[in-house]
Amino acid sequence: MFQVRFWGVRGSIPCPGPDTVIYGGNTACIEIRAGERLIIVDLGSGVRPLGDYLLKEDSRKFGKVSADIFITHTHWDHIMGFPMFTPIYINNTELRITGPDSPNKSLKEIFELQLSYNYWPVQLENLSAKIEYNQIKETTISLDGDLTVTSKFLNHPTECLGYRFNYEGKSITIIYDHEPFPDKERNQGIIDFIKETDLLIHDAQYTDEEYTTRIGWGHSTMITAIQTAVSAKVKKLVLFHHDPSRQDDLLEKYEKRYESIEVPCVMAREGMLLDI
């Protein structure tokens, strides 16, 4: 089994309400299953319902929640759900959190700040789960048997990693928060990283018109994501990290517009499950 489920698909801030019911309003959180191995990418607000699901399903099946968590970067919308991830309060939970190496603060220091009394009533040191922290640059990690993870630095206003998960000859590649580099060589490096992946989950926060006033903010347009996928000859593209102002009717409009392009393409939506 190699599959991905989406628990949060928005960027910047959660946007619940009647206009985001179809695609969802939670920020980034993705669940990947590679055999019996659980991988979580990012801890946005979508990780709260994922945590409740894991306590029912994984605790019943495996007797505990055990996960490898990969953080793309530590901007607020990508870690804000961590204090509400119920498994961290359960004493047999095992979490291995990996994220980009930063010259400013370690991953553990960032979570300690988040779980300080100024922001949350429970401190990091009082959590019941067993948590390990691992900071990486561009590298390849072997997790278990045929499962490997390769990281790639992206173009964003802080240290940010894309990840390629390879399992039994298949691959899932995640590229967000990212906008094109100003030079062709580094953009080619991204295409090489993505090349022929079975599933590409790519930043698509803006339209081309919106991007003209948001250059340098670290996000891509839908057209850029599509062009990148075509250049890299990927097998399926998921447009991800929807702008919080993008209502369901507009996302449906864009999904219909792009579903017949050269690469099979869908808009990410909460609850969507894809088998690789």
Protein backbone atom coordinates (compact mmCIF):
# COMPACT_ATOMS: atom_id res chain seq x y z
CA MET A 1 0.00 0.00 0.00
CA PHE A 2 1.24 3.45 -0.95
CA GLN A 3 -1.36 6.19 -0.61
CA VAL A 4 -1.87 9.80 0.37
CA ARG A 5 -4.76 11.47 2.18
CA PHE A 6 -5.28 15.22 2.52
CA TRP A 7 -6.28 16.67 5.90
CA GLY A 8 -5.48 20.33 5.22
CA VAL A 9 -5.03 21.98 1.82
CA ARG A 10 -5.01 25.74 2.47
CA GLY A 11 -2.20 28.22 2.81
CA SER A 12 -1.64 31.15 5.16
CA ILE A 13 -4.56 30.76 7.59
CA PRO A 14 -7.54 28.46 8.22
CA CYS A 15 -10.69 29.65 6.46
CA PRO A 16 -13.73 27.73 7.72
CA GLY A 17 -17.17 28.70 6.50
CA PRO A 18 -19.89 28.03 3.92
CA ASP A 19 -17.64 28.97 0.99
CA THR A 20 -14.94 26.38 1.76
CA VAL A 21 -17.04 23.30 2.52
CA ILE A 22 -16.15 21.37 -0.65
CA TYR A 23 -12.37 21.78 -0.67
CA GLY A 24 -11.87 22.46 3.03
CA GLY A 25 -10.50 25.29 5.13
CA ASN A 26 -7.67 23.71 7.16
CA THR A 27 -4.02 24.51 6.57
CA ALA A 28 -1.43 22.06 5.30
CA CYS A 29 -1.42 18.50 6.59
CA ILE A 30 -0.88 15.37 4.51
CA GLU A 31 -0.96 11.71 5.57
CA ILE A 32 1.09 9.16 3.62
CA ARG A 33 0.96 5.40 4.17
CA ALA A 34 3.82 3.26 2.88
CA GLY A 35 2.90 -0.25 3.91
CA GLU A 36 2.32 0.04 7.66
CA ARG A 37 4.56 3.10 7.98
CA LEU A 38 2.79 6.37 8.77
CA ILE A 39 4.22 9.64 7.44
CA ILE A 40 2.76 13.06 8.18
CA VAL A 41 3.82 16.10 6.18
CA ASP A 42 3.27 19.36 8.07
CA LEU A 43 1.30 20.15 11.19
CA GLY A 44 -1.18 22.74 9.98
CA SER A 45 -4.67 22.93 11.45
CA GLY A 46 -5.61 19.78 9.49
CA VAL A 47 -3.52 17.70 11.91
CA ARG A 48 -6.18 18.06 14.63
CA PRO A 49 -8.77 15.83 12.88
CA LEU A 50 -5.95 13.56 11.73
CA GLY A 51 -4.91 13.06 15.35
CA ASP A 52 -8.43 12.07 16.34
CA TYR A 53 -8.52 9.62 13.43
CA LEU A 54 -5.18 8.08 14.41
CA LEU A 55 -6.27 7.53 18.00
CA LYS A 56 -9.19 5.48 16.70
CA GLU A 57 -7.56 3.62 13.82
CA ASP A 58 -3.82 3.28 14.54
CA SER A 59 -4.27 2.76 18.27
CA ARG A 60 -6.74 -0.03 17.54
CA LYS A 61 -4.57 -1.64 14.85
CA PHE A 62 -1.06 -1.11 16.25
CA GLY A 63 -1.68 -0.33 19.91
CA LYS A 64 -0.17 3.15 19.58
CA VAL A 65 0.43 6.07 17.25
CA SER A 66 3.88 6.00 15.67
CA ALA A 67 4.70 8.49 12.92
CA ASP A 68 7.51 10.10 10.97
CA ILE A 69 6.64 13.79 10.65
CA PHE A 70 8.29 15.89 7.96
CA ILE A 71 8.04 19.65 8.31
CA THR A 72 8.49 21.64 5.11
CA HIS A 73 9.17 24.79 7.15
CA THR A 74 8.08 26.37 10.39
CA HIS A 75 5.89 29.23 9.26
CA TRP A 76 2.81 29.39 11.46
CA ASP A 77 0.28 27.87 9.05
CA HIS A 78 2.42 24.72 8.80
CA ILE A 79 2.86 24.06 12.54
CA MET A 80 -0.17 25.71 14.14
CA GLY A 81 -2.03 22.42 14.64
CA PHE A 82 0.69 20.77 16.73
CA PRO A 83 -0.67 21.81 20.17
CA MET A 84 -4.06 20.33 19.19
CA PHE A 85 -2.64 17.04 17.87
CA THR A 86 -4.12 14.78 20.57
CA PRO A 87 -1.53 11.94 20.28
CA ILE A 88 1.14 14.21 21.82
CA TYR A 89 -0.72 13.89 25.13
CA ILE A 90 -0.72 10.05 25.03
CA ASN A 91 2.22 8.33 26.72
CA ASN A 92 2.83 5.56 24.17
CA THR A 93 2.88 7.87 21.15
CA GLU A 94 6.17 7.89 19.21
CA LEU A 95 6.93 10.81 16.90
CA ARG A 96 10.05 11.46 14.86
CA ILE A 97 9.95 15.07 13.64
CA THR A 98 12.26 16.05 10.78
CA GLY A 99 12.60 19.49 9.24
CA PRO A 100 15.01 21.95 7.64
CA ASP A 101 18.20 22.93 9.40
CA SER A 102 17.97 26.58 10.44
CA PRO A 103 20.76 28.91 11.59
CA ASN A 104 18.40 30.70 13.99
CA LYS A 105 16.55 28.17 16.13
CA SER A 106 16.41 24.39 16.28
CA LEU A 107 13.16 22.56 15.63
CA LYS A 108 12.85 21.73 19.29
CA GLU A 109 13.37 25.38 20.28
CA ILE A 110 10.65 26.46 17.86
CA PHE A 111 8.15 24.00 19.33
CA GLU A 112 9.22 25.02 22.85
CA LEU A 113 8.40 28.62 21.96
CA GLN A 114 5.06 27.60 20.48
CA LEU A 115 4.21 25.63 23.64
CA SER A 116 5.15 28.37 26.07
CA TYR A 117 2.68 29.88 28.49
CA ASN A 118 2.37 33.03 26.37
CA TYR A 119 0.72 30.96 23.63
CA TRP A 120 -0.47 27.64 25.10
CA PRO A 121 -1.25 26.25 28.57
CA VAL A 122 0.83 23.05 28.24
CA GLN A 123 4.59 23.25 27.81
CA LEU A 124 6.64 21.00 25.52
CA GLU A 125 8.39 19.33 28.46
CA ASN A 126 5.02 18.22 29.85
CA LEU A 127 3.89 16.31 26.77
CA SER A 128 3.47 12.57 27.27
CA ALA A 129 4.57 11.44 23.81
CA LYS A 130 8.12 10.37 23.02
CA ILE A 131 9.37 12.91 20.46
CA GLU A 132 12.65 12.96 18.54
CA TYR A 133 13.88 15.91 16.49
CA ASN A 134 16.04 15.75 13.40
CA GLN A 135 17.25 18.70 11.31
CA ILE A 136 18.39 18.11 7.73
CA LYS A 137 19.60 19.85 4.61
CA GLU A 138 19.44 18.25 1.15
CA THR A 139 19.86 14.55 1.75
CA THR A 140 18.33 11.10 1.36
CA ILE A 141 17.02 9.18 4.36
CA SER A 142 16.22 5.47 4.44
CA LEU A 143 13.24 4.90 6.73
CA ASP A 144 12.41 1.25 6.30
CA GLY A 145 13.14 -1.31 3.58
CA ASP A 146 12.16 0.20 0.25
CA LEU A 147 11.05 3.54 1.74
CA THR A 148 13.38 6.50 1.24
CA VAL A 149 12.90 10.26 1.57
CA THR A 150 14.93 12.80 -0.41
CA SER A 151 14.85 16.50 0.50
CA LYS A 152 15.34 19.57 -1.68
CA PHE A 153 15.59 23.24 -0.70
CA LEU A 154 12.84 25.40 -2.20
CA ASN A 155 12.48 29.13 -2.86
CA HIS A 156 10.68 30.59 0.15
CA PRO A 157 11.38 33.42 2.63
CA THR A 158 12.67 30.91 5.22
CA GLU A 159 14.43 27.55 5.05
CA CYS A 160 11.92 25.28 3.32
CA LEU A 161 12.23 21.73 2.03
CA GLY A 162 10.41 19.76 -0.62
CA TYR A 163 10.28 15.99 -0.14
CA ARG A 164 10.26 13.02 -2.48
CA PHE A 165 9.00 9.79 -0.94
CA ASN A 166 10.03 6.66 -2.84
CA TYR A 167 8.47 3.30 -2.04
CA GLU A 168 8.58 0.04 -3.99
CA GLY A 169 9.26 1.75 -7.31
CA LYS A 170 6.64 4.51 -6.83
CA SER A 171 7.05 8.10 -5.70
CA ILE A 172 5.15 11.02 -4.15
CA THR A 173 6.81 14.43 -4.42
CA ILE A 174 5.82 17.51 -2.44
CA ILE A 175 6.77 21.00 -3.63
CA TYR A 176 5.34 23.85 -1.54
CA ASP A 177 5.79 26.65 -0.26
CA HIS A 178 7.74 27.48 -3.40
CA GLU A 179 7.98 29.97 -6.21
CA PRO A 180 10.28 29.75 -9.23
CA PHE A 181 13.91 30.65 -8.67
CA PRO A 182 15.24 33.69 -10.56
CA ASP A 183 17.77 31.53 -12.45
CA LYS A 184 17.27 28.63 -14.86
CA GLU A 185 19.85 26.34 -13.26
CA ARG A 186 18.07 26.11 -9.90
CA ASN A 187 14.69 25.75 -11.60
CA GLN A 188 16.11 22.86 -13.59
CA GLY A 189 17.22 21.35 -10.31
CA ILE A 190 13.61 21.36 -9.13
CA ILE A 191 12.46 19.72 -12.37
CA ASP A 192 15.16 17.06 -12.00
CA PHE A 193 14.03 16.46 -8.41
CA ILE A 194 10.41 16.01 -9.54
CA LYS A 195 11.17 14.11 -12.75
CA GLU A 196 8.71 11.32 -13.61
CA THR A 197 7.23 11.18 -10.12
CA ASP A 198 3.96 9.29 -9.88
CA LEU A 199 2.26 12.05 -7.88
CA LEU A 200 3.30 15.69 -7.59
CA ILE A 201 1.70 17.88 -4.91
CA HIS A 202 2.62 21.41 -5.95
CA ASP A 203 2.06 24.90 -4.59
CA ALA A 204 -0.65 26.65 -6.62
CA GLN A 205 -1.74 29.52 -4.38
CA TYR A 206 -2.03 32.27 -6.99
CA THR A 207 -3.37 33.10 -10.38
CA ASP A 208 -0.90 34.69 -12.79
CA GLU A 209 -2.52 38.09 -12.22
CA GLU A 210 -2.31 37.79 -8.42
CA TYR A 211 1.34 36.77 -8.58
CA THR A 212 2.40 40.08 -10.15
CA THR A 213 1.84 41.81 -6.79
CA ARG A 214 3.15 38.91 -4.67
CA ILE A 215 6.56 38.21 -6.16
CA GLY A 216 8.95 37.17 -3.40
CA TRP A 217 6.23 35.82 -1.12
CA GLY A 218 7.32 32.25 -1.84
CA HIS A 219 4.36 30.76 -3.70
CA SER A 220 3.58 29.59 -7.22
CA THR A 221 0.73 30.06 -9.65
CA MET A 222 -1.49 27.31 -10.94
CA ILE A 223 0.00 27.72 -14.42
CA THR A 224 3.55 27.46 -13.04
CA ALA A 225 2.65 24.22 -11.26
CA ILE A 226 1.19 22.79 -14.47
CA GLN A 227 4.15 23.85 -16.59
CA THR A 228 6.55 22.33 -14.06
CA ALA A 229 4.61 19.06 -14.02
CA VAL A 230 4.60 18.86 -17.82
CA SER A 231 8.33 19.62 -18.02
CA ALA A 232 9.10 16.95 -15.41
CA LYS A 233 6.80 14.37 -17.08
CA VAL A 234 4.95 13.60 -13.87
CA LYS A 235 2.07 11.13 -13.95
CA LYS A 236 -0.45 13.05 -11.83
CA LEU A 237 -0.58 16.58 -10.44
CA VAL A 238 -2.39 17.84 -7.34
CA LEU A 239 -2.73 21.62 -7.06
CA PHE A 240 -2.24 22.47 -3.38
CA HIS A 241 -1.92 25.29 -0.84
CA HIS A 242 -5.06 27.14 -1.95
CA ASP A 243 -5.27 30.81 -1.12
CA PRO A 244 -7.62 31.41 1.85
CA SER A 245 -9.70 33.77 -0.31
CA ARG A 246 -10.26 31.10 -2.98
CA GLN A 247 -13.87 30.00 -2.57
CA ASP A 248 -15.23 26.62 -3.62
CA ASP A 249 -16.89 27.89 -6.78
CA LEU A 250 -13.61 29.31 -8.08
CA LEU A 251 -11.65 26.18 -7.22
CA GLU A 252 -14.25 24.11 -9.06
CA LYS A 253 -13.94 26.43 -12.04
CA TYR A 254 -10.16 26.08 -12.16
CA GLU A 255 -10.32 22.32 -11.61
CA LYS A 256 -12.58 21.90 -14.64
CA ARG A 257 -10.37 24.19 -16.69
CA TYR A 258 -7.21 22.22 -16.00
CA GLU A 259 -8.49 18.64 -15.79
CA SER A 260 -7.85 18.04 -19.49
CA ILE A 261 -4.26 19.30 -19.69
CA GLU A 262 -1.38 17.05 -20.71
CA VAL A 263 -0.90 15.83 -17.12
CA PRO A 264 -3.92 14.50 -15.14
CA CYS A 265 -4.66 17.29 -12.67
CA VAL A 266 -6.94 17.73 -9.64
CA MET A 267 -7.41 20.32 -6.91
CA ALA A 268 -6.48 19.12 -3.44
CA ARG A 269 -9.47 18.78 -1.15
CA GLU A 270 -9.77 17.64 2.45
CA GLY A 271 -10.50 13.91 2.72
CA MET A 272 -9.24 13.11 -0.77
CA LEU A 273 -7.47 9.71 -0.81
CA LEU A 274 -5.19 8.74 -3.69
CA ASP A 275 -3.60 5.33 -4.23
CA ILE A 276 -0.22 5.41 -5.95
